[in-house]
């Protein structure tokens, strides 16, 4: 299990109930201290992969200060970040645009400098943030060749996926070769019991040698006890029943379903508090079996329905 900083590096995020976790304590120094405390708990629990991005507010900055303040050895941790979105919310919970996407070479060059300033040699893998066919990044030879230079210098290059086009983007990425070698060695994708459609292709990517990192395993809070949407009531009841049978929480159950997939290398916890992190880690103790997987498969939605509902989640 890894720790993602999407909900820790900025005041606003789309996770259901996110505002409750921060309780209005948005001063950068306060949020940095809080992030350090969660990182301390994660490291103590054995988590050794941390994910951030240029668009996660001050996520890279908070992570970098923690690494240096705690004198963490580079050999004891793996760090991934992402480029392609620029944070534009100006440290506000409500904003017209929280992040702006641009996969051009100038943005890569600028964000590479910023990531290096924050993380330096700790950076192990650099993902294109939410690569899509529409953004055209997989056809931009200037960008791909620049990424290949960093690959040749020992950095792992990856891409993260989002939306109904996850499969088409990953298929194209698997065929991207620069100087005769695959460019991408890592993929970060959404897979959860509501949106499992990418599973077979992620298994193919894993078998091809790519590291598979799963994000949004709790569907931005839709799979947690905080989701009181009446339209989700029947599915929540099924989750609660299965969690009770397995003597765990519905959050840990949803994470256990991801951990049970043989092609998963890392599943990210999006915990914003130490209590959430502790509960997420209970997933390792869930006696998850094929029968449980078959039951939870009944909760799945079409990709169009899933991503449509995700787009309706409010920043809070």
Protein backbone atom coordinates (compact mmCIF):
# COMPACT_ATOMS: atom_id res chain seq x y z
CA UNK A 1 0.00 0.00 0.00
CA UNK A 2 1.16 3.51 -0.80
CA UNK A 3 0.01 6.93 0.37
CA UNK A 4 -1.36 9.50 -2.07
CA UNK A 5 -1.21 13.19 -1.19
CA UNK A 6 -4.06 14.47 -3.38
CA UNK A 7 -6.20 15.28 -0.33
CA UNK A 8 -3.34 16.42 1.90
CA UNK A 9 -1.48 18.93 -0.23
CA UNK A 10 -4.25 21.50 -0.78
CA UNK A 11 -7.31 22.80 1.11
CA UNK A 12 -9.90 21.55 -1.36
CA UNK A 13 -10.46 18.15 -2.93
CA UNK A 14 -13.38 16.10 -4.29
CA UNK A 15 -13.33 13.31 -1.69
CA UNK A 16 -16.67 13.11 0.07
CA UNK A 17 -16.35 14.76 3.50
CA UNK A 18 -12.85 16.13 2.85
CA UNK A 19 -13.68 19.43 4.61
CA UNK A 20 -14.47 17.52 7.78
CA UNK A 21 -10.96 16.06 7.87
CA UNK A 22 -9.19 19.42 7.79
CA UNK A 23 -11.75 21.24 9.98
CA UNK A 24 -11.00 24.56 8.33
CA UNK A 25 -7.33 24.47 9.35
CA UNK A 26 -5.99 25.64 6.01
CA UNK A 27 -2.93 27.67 6.98
CA UNK A 28 -0.04 26.25 4.94
CA UNK A 29 2.15 25.68 8.00
CA UNK A 30 -0.71 23.87 9.78
CA UNK A 31 -1.42 21.69 6.76
CA UNK A 32 2.27 20.93 6.35
CA UNK A 33 2.50 19.79 9.98
CA UNK A 34 -0.62 17.66 9.56
CA UNK A 35 0.76 16.08 6.37
CA UNK A 36 4.01 15.29 8.18
CA UNK A 37 2.07 13.56 10.95
CA UNK A 38 0.18 11.37 8.47
CA UNK A 39 3.45 10.60 6.65
CA UNK A 40 5.04 9.66 9.99
CA UNK A 41 2.19 7.25 10.70
CA UNK A 42 2.40 5.78 7.21
CA UNK A 43 6.14 5.24 7.41
CA UNK A 44 5.85 3.69 10.86
CA UNK A 45 3.21 1.31 9.49
CA UNK A 46 5.54 0.16 6.74
CA UNK A 47 4.29 2.21 3.80
CA UNK A 48 7.21 2.92 1.49
CA UNK A 49 5.62 4.44 -1.61
CA UNK A 50 4.30 8.02 -1.63
CA UNK A 51 2.51 9.61 -4.58
CA UNK A 52 2.12 13.31 -5.27
CA UNK A 53 1.82 15.70 -8.22
CA UNK A 54 2.56 19.24 -9.29
CA UNK A 55 -1.15 20.04 -9.10
CA UNK A 56 -1.59 18.79 -5.53
CA UNK A 57 -1.13 22.29 -4.14
CA UNK A 58 1.95 22.09 -1.94
CA UNK A 59 2.02 18.30 -1.88
CA UNK A 60 5.52 18.03 -3.33
CA UNK A 61 6.75 20.76 -1.01
CA UNK A 62 5.24 19.12 2.09
CA UNK A 63 6.67 15.75 1.10
CA UNK A 64 10.10 17.20 0.40
CA UNK A 65 10.28 18.97 3.76
CA UNK A 66 9.22 15.75 5.52
CA UNK A 67 11.90 13.71 3.75
CA UNK A 68 14.58 16.17 4.81
CA UNK A 69 13.26 16.90 8.30
CA UNK A 70 13.07 13.18 9.10
CA UNK A 71 16.35 12.46 7.29
CA UNK A 72 14.72 9.61 5.36
CA UNK A 73 17.23 7.55 3.39
CA UNK A 74 16.63 7.39 -0.35
CA UNK A 75 17.06 3.62 -0.08
CA UNK A 76 14.14 3.37 2.35
CA UNK A 77 11.39 5.01 0.32
CA UNK A 78 10.01 5.27 -3.21
CA UNK A 79 8.59 8.58 -4.43
CA UNK A 80 6.39 9.20 -7.45
CA UNK A 81 5.12 12.49 -8.79
CA UNK A 82 3.22 13.69 -11.84
CA UNK A 83 3.35 16.58 -14.28
CA UNK A 84 0.82 18.03 -16.70
CA UNK A 85 -1.61 19.88 -14.45
CA UNK A 86 -0.94 23.30 -12.93
CA UNK A 87 -2.55 24.11 -9.58
CA UNK A 88 -4.67 27.25 -9.98
CA UNK A 89 -6.95 27.39 -6.91
CA UNK A 90 -4.72 29.90 -5.07
CA UNK A 91 -5.10 27.95 -1.81
CA UNK A 92 -8.88 28.26 -1.89
CA UNK A 93 -11.44 25.50 -1.30
CA UNK A 94 -13.75 26.99 -3.90
CA UNK A 95 -12.30 28.11 -7.22
CA UNK A 96 -13.44 28.44 -10.80
CA UNK A 97 -10.62 26.11 -11.86
CA UNK A 98 -8.59 24.07 -9.38
CA UNK A 99 -6.09 22.82 -11.94
CA UNK A 100 -5.39 23.41 -15.61
CA UNK A 101 -4.18 20.62 -17.88
CA UNK A 102 -1.37 21.18 -20.39
CA UNK A 103 0.87 18.41 -21.70
CA UNK A 104 3.14 20.63 -23.77
CA UNK A 105 6.94 20.56 -23.64
CA UNK A 106 7.27 24.02 -21.99
CA UNK A 107 4.98 22.91 -19.15
CA UNK A 108 6.96 19.70 -18.71
CA UNK A 109 10.24 21.60 -18.59
CA UNK A 110 8.92 24.10 -16.05
CA UNK A 111 7.30 21.49 -13.83
CA UNK A 112 10.37 19.24 -14.00
CA UNK A 113 12.41 22.08 -12.50
CA UNK A 114 9.82 22.59 -9.78
CA UNK A 115 9.66 18.89 -8.94
CA UNK A 116 13.43 18.68 -8.78
CA UNK A 117 13.51 21.66 -6.41
CA UNK A 118 11.03 19.92 -4.09
CA UNK A 119 12.08 16.27 -4.33
CA UNK A 120 15.50 16.12 -5.99
CA UNK A 121 17.08 12.69 -6.09
CA UNK A 122 14.24 11.19 -4.06
CA UNK A 123 12.08 11.13 -7.19
CA UNK A 124 11.85 7.59 -8.53
CA UNK A 125 8.99 7.65 -11.01
CA UNK A 126 7.52 10.57 -12.96
CA UNK A 127 4.05 10.14 -14.43
CA UNK A 128 2.28 12.08 -17.13
CA UNK A 129 -0.76 13.27 -15.17
CA UNK A 130 -4.03 11.96 -16.62
CA UNK A 131 -2.71 11.20 -20.07
CA UNK A 132 -5.52 10.98 -22.63
CA UNK A 133 -5.72 10.54 -26.37
CA UNK A 134 -7.43 13.94 -26.53
CA UNK A 135 -4.48 15.75 -24.95
CA UNK A 136 -2.23 14.40 -27.70
CA UNK A 137 0.69 13.86 -25.34
CA UNK A 138 1.41 10.35 -26.64
CA UNK A 139 1.95 11.83 -30.12
CA UNK A 140 4.22 14.68 -29.02
CA UNK A 141 7.65 13.45 -29.97
CA UNK A 142 9.36 16.44 -28.34
CA UNK A 143 7.82 15.50 -24.98
CA UNK A 144 8.37 11.76 -25.39
CA UNK A 145 12.02 12.20 -26.32
CA UNK A 146 12.61 14.44 -23.33
CA UNK A 147 11.03 11.82 -21.08
CA UNK A 148 13.25 9.19 -22.70
CA UNK A 149 16.33 11.18 -21.72
CA UNK A 150 15.29 10.96 -18.08
CA UNK A 151 14.45 7.28 -18.54
CA UNK A 152 17.95 6.68 -19.85
CA UNK A 153 19.33 8.44 -16.77
CA UNK A 154 17.59 5.96 -14.48
CA UNK A 155 14.20 7.56 -13.80
CA UNK A 156 11.09 5.43 -14.22
CA UNK A 157 8.60 7.05 -16.58
CA UNK A 158 4.89 6.39 -16.23
CA UNK A 159 1.47 7.76 -16.97
CA UNK A 160 -1.69 8.10 -14.95
CA UNK A 161 -5.11 7.50 -16.49
CA UNK A 162 -8.57 8.89 -15.95
CA UNK A 163 -11.98 8.85 -17.56
CA UNK A 164 -13.82 6.52 -19.89
CA UNK A 165 -10.82 6.45 -22.24
CA UNK A 166 -8.44 4.77 -19.78
CA UNK A 167 -8.23 1.59 -21.87
CA UNK A 168 -7.57 3.27 -25.21
CA UNK A 169 -4.85 5.46 -23.69
CA UNK A 170 -3.13 2.51 -22.02
CA UNK A 171 -3.24 0.45 -25.22
CA UNK A 172 -1.48 3.24 -27.07
CA UNK A 173 1.04 3.77 -24.27
CA UNK A 174 2.04 0.11 -24.36
CA UNK A 175 3.16 0.62 -27.96
CA UNK A 176 5.26 3.74 -27.33
CA UNK A 177 8.93 2.94 -27.87
CA UNK A 178 11.79 5.44 -27.94
CA UNK A 179 15.20 4.32 -29.20
CA UNK A 180 13.90 0.77 -29.46
CA UNK A 181 12.77 0.46 -25.83
CA UNK A 182 9.39 0.93 -24.13
CA UNK A 183 9.07 4.41 -22.68
CA UNK A 184 6.63 3.64 -19.90
CA UNK A 185 7.43 1.34 -17.01
CA UNK A 186 4.57 2.39 -14.72
CA UNK A 187 0.84 3.03 -15.00
CA UNK A 188 -1.39 4.61 -12.37
CA UNK A 189 -5.04 3.92 -13.05
CA UNK A 190 -8.48 3.90 -11.46
CA UNK A 191 -9.78 0.47 -10.54
CA UNK A 192 -12.31 -0.24 -7.84
CA UNK A 193 -15.36 -2.41 -7.30
CA UNK A 194 -17.55 0.22 -8.95
CA UNK A 195 -15.27 0.67 -11.98
CA UNK A 196 -13.39 -2.60 -12.67
CA UNK A 197 -13.44 -2.40 -16.48
CA UNK A 198 -9.70 -1.80 -16.90
CA UNK A 199 -8.72 -4.98 -15.05
CA UNK A 200 -7.88 -7.23 -18.02
CA UNK A 201 -5.73 -4.56 -19.67
CA UNK A 202 -3.95 -3.77 -16.41
CA UNK A 203 -3.15 -7.47 -16.13
CA UNK A 204 -1.70 -7.31 -19.64
CA UNK A 205 0.39 -4.26 -18.71
CA UNK A 206 1.61 -6.01 -15.57
CA UNK A 207 2.60 -9.09 -17.58
CA UNK A 208 4.46 -6.81 -19.99
CA UNK A 209 6.61 -5.58 -17.11
CA UNK A 210 4.83 -2.37 -16.12
CA UNK A 211 4.30 -1.50 -12.49
CA UNK A 212 0.59 -1.12 -11.75
CA UNK A 213 -0.47 1.51 -9.21
CA UNK A 214 -4.15 1.78 -8.34
CA UNK A 215 -5.69 5.12 -7.39
CA UNK A 216 -9.21 5.98 -6.24
CA UNK A 217 -9.73 2.55 -4.73
CA UNK A 218 -12.48 4.07 -2.57
CA UNK A 219 -13.99 5.99 -5.50
CA UNK A 220 -13.30 9.39 -3.91
CA UNK A 221 -15.38 8.42 -0.90
CA UNK A 222 -18.32 6.84 -2.72
CA UNK A 223 -17.29 3.46 -1.26
CA UNK A 224 -16.98 4.80 2.28
CA UNK A 225 -19.47 5.14 5.10
CA UNK A 226 -19.64 8.86 4.31
CA UNK A 227 -21.61 8.23 1.14
CA UNK A 228 -25.20 8.78 2.25
CA UNK A 229 -26.54 9.44 -1.24
CA UNK A 230 -29.99 7.82 -1.44
CA UNK A 231 -29.23 6.49 -4.91
CA UNK A 232 -26.33 4.52 -3.43
CA UNK A 233 -28.32 3.12 -0.49
CA UNK A 234 -28.78 -0.42 -1.86
CA UNK A 235 -25.12 -0.76 -2.80
CA UNK A 236 -24.06 0.62 0.56
CA UNK A 237 -26.26 -1.95 2.29
CA UNK A 238 -24.55 -4.73 0.34
CA UNK A 239 -21.12 -3.37 1.27
CA UNK A 240 -22.05 -3.07 4.93
CA UNK A 241 -23.45 -6.61 4.99
CA UNK A 242 -20.32 -8.09 3.43
CA UNK A 243 -18.06 -6.04 5.71
CA UNK A 244 -19.97 -7.29 8.74
CA UNK A 245 -19.57 -10.88 7.60
CA UNK A 246 -15.82 -10.37 7.21
CA UNK A 247 -15.59 -8.39 10.48
CA UNK A 248 -14.09 -5.29 8.90
CA UNK A 249 -15.07 -1.82 7.68
CA UNK A 250 -16.53 -1.22 4.26
CA UNK A 251 -13.48 0.94 3.45
CA UNK A 252 -11.05 -1.87 4.31
CA UNK A 253 -13.22 -4.30 2.35
CA UNK A 254 -13.08 -2.13 -0.78
CA UNK A 255 -9.30 -1.87 -0.49
CA UNK A 256 -9.00 -5.62 0.11
CA UNK A 257 -10.80 -6.16 -3.19
CA UNK A 258 -8.03 -4.23 -4.93
CA UNK A 259 -5.23 -5.95 -3.05
CA UNK A 260 -6.67 -9.31 -4.11
CA UNK A 261 -5.97 -8.61 -7.79
CA UNK A 262 -2.75 -10.46 -8.75
CA UNK A 263 -1.68 -7.71 -11.16
CA UNK A 264 -1.70 -4.91 -8.57
CA UNK A 265 1.70 -3.74 -7.36
CA UNK A 266 0.61 -0.78 -5.22
CA UNK A 267 -2.81 0.45 -4.12
CA UNK A 268 -2.85 4.04 -2.89
CA UNK A 269 -4.51 5.04 0.33
CA UNK A 270 -5.95 8.52 -0.01
CA UNK A 271 -6.19 8.94 3.76
CA UNK A 272 -6.34 12.48 5.08
CA UNK A 273 -6.11 11.51 8.76
CA UNK A 274 -4.21 8.97 10.80
CA UNK A 275 -7.46 7.24 11.78
CA UNK A 276 -8.38 6.79 8.12
CA UNK A 277 -4.94 5.40 7.40
CA UNK A 278 -5.20 2.91 10.26
CA UNK A 279 -8.56 1.75 8.97
CA UNK A 280 -7.24 1.45 5.41
CA UNK A 281 -4.43 -0.78 6.63
CA UNK A 282 -7.00 -3.21 8.04
CA UNK A 283 -7.46 -4.30 4.42
CA UNK A 284 -4.45 -6.58 4.80
CA UNK A 285 -6.31 -8.58 7.47
CA UNK A 286 -9.50 -9.13 5.46
CA UNK A 287 -9.90 -12.84 4.53
CA UNK A 288 -10.93 -11.92 1.01
CA UNK A 289 -11.89 -14.85 -1.23
CA UNK A 290 -13.25 -15.42 -4.73
CA UNK A 291 -16.76 -15.66 -3.35
CA UNK A 292 -16.42 -12.19 -1.90
CA UNK A 293 -15.17 -10.88 -5.21
CA UNK A 294 -18.15 -12.42 -6.98
CA UNK A 295 -20.55 -10.71 -4.58
CA UNK A 296 -18.92 -7.31 -4.93
CA UNK A 297 -18.92 -7.61 -8.72
CA UNK A 298 -22.66 -7.00 -8.53
CA UNK A 299 -21.89 -3.41 -7.49
CA UNK A 300 -20.06 -2.48 -10.69
CA UNK A 301 -21.25 0.37 -12.91
CA UNK A 302 -20.66 1.09 -16.56
CA UNK A 303 -17.60 3.32 -17.12
CA UNK A 304 -19.86 6.07 -18.45
CA UNK A 305 -22.03 5.97 -15.33
CA UNK A 306 -19.05 5.84 -12.98
CA UNK A 307 -17.16 8.73 -14.54
CA UNK A 308 -20.34 10.74 -14.90
CA UNK A 309 -20.96 10.46 -11.15
CA UNK A 310 -17.34 11.26 -10.38
CA UNK A 311 -17.61 14.46 -12.39
CA UNK A 312 -20.50 15.54 -10.16
CA UNK A 313 -18.47 15.35 -6.93
CA UNK A 314 -17.97 18.76 -5.36
CA UNK A 315 -14.68 20.26 -4.23
CA UNK A 316 -14.87 20.68 -0.47
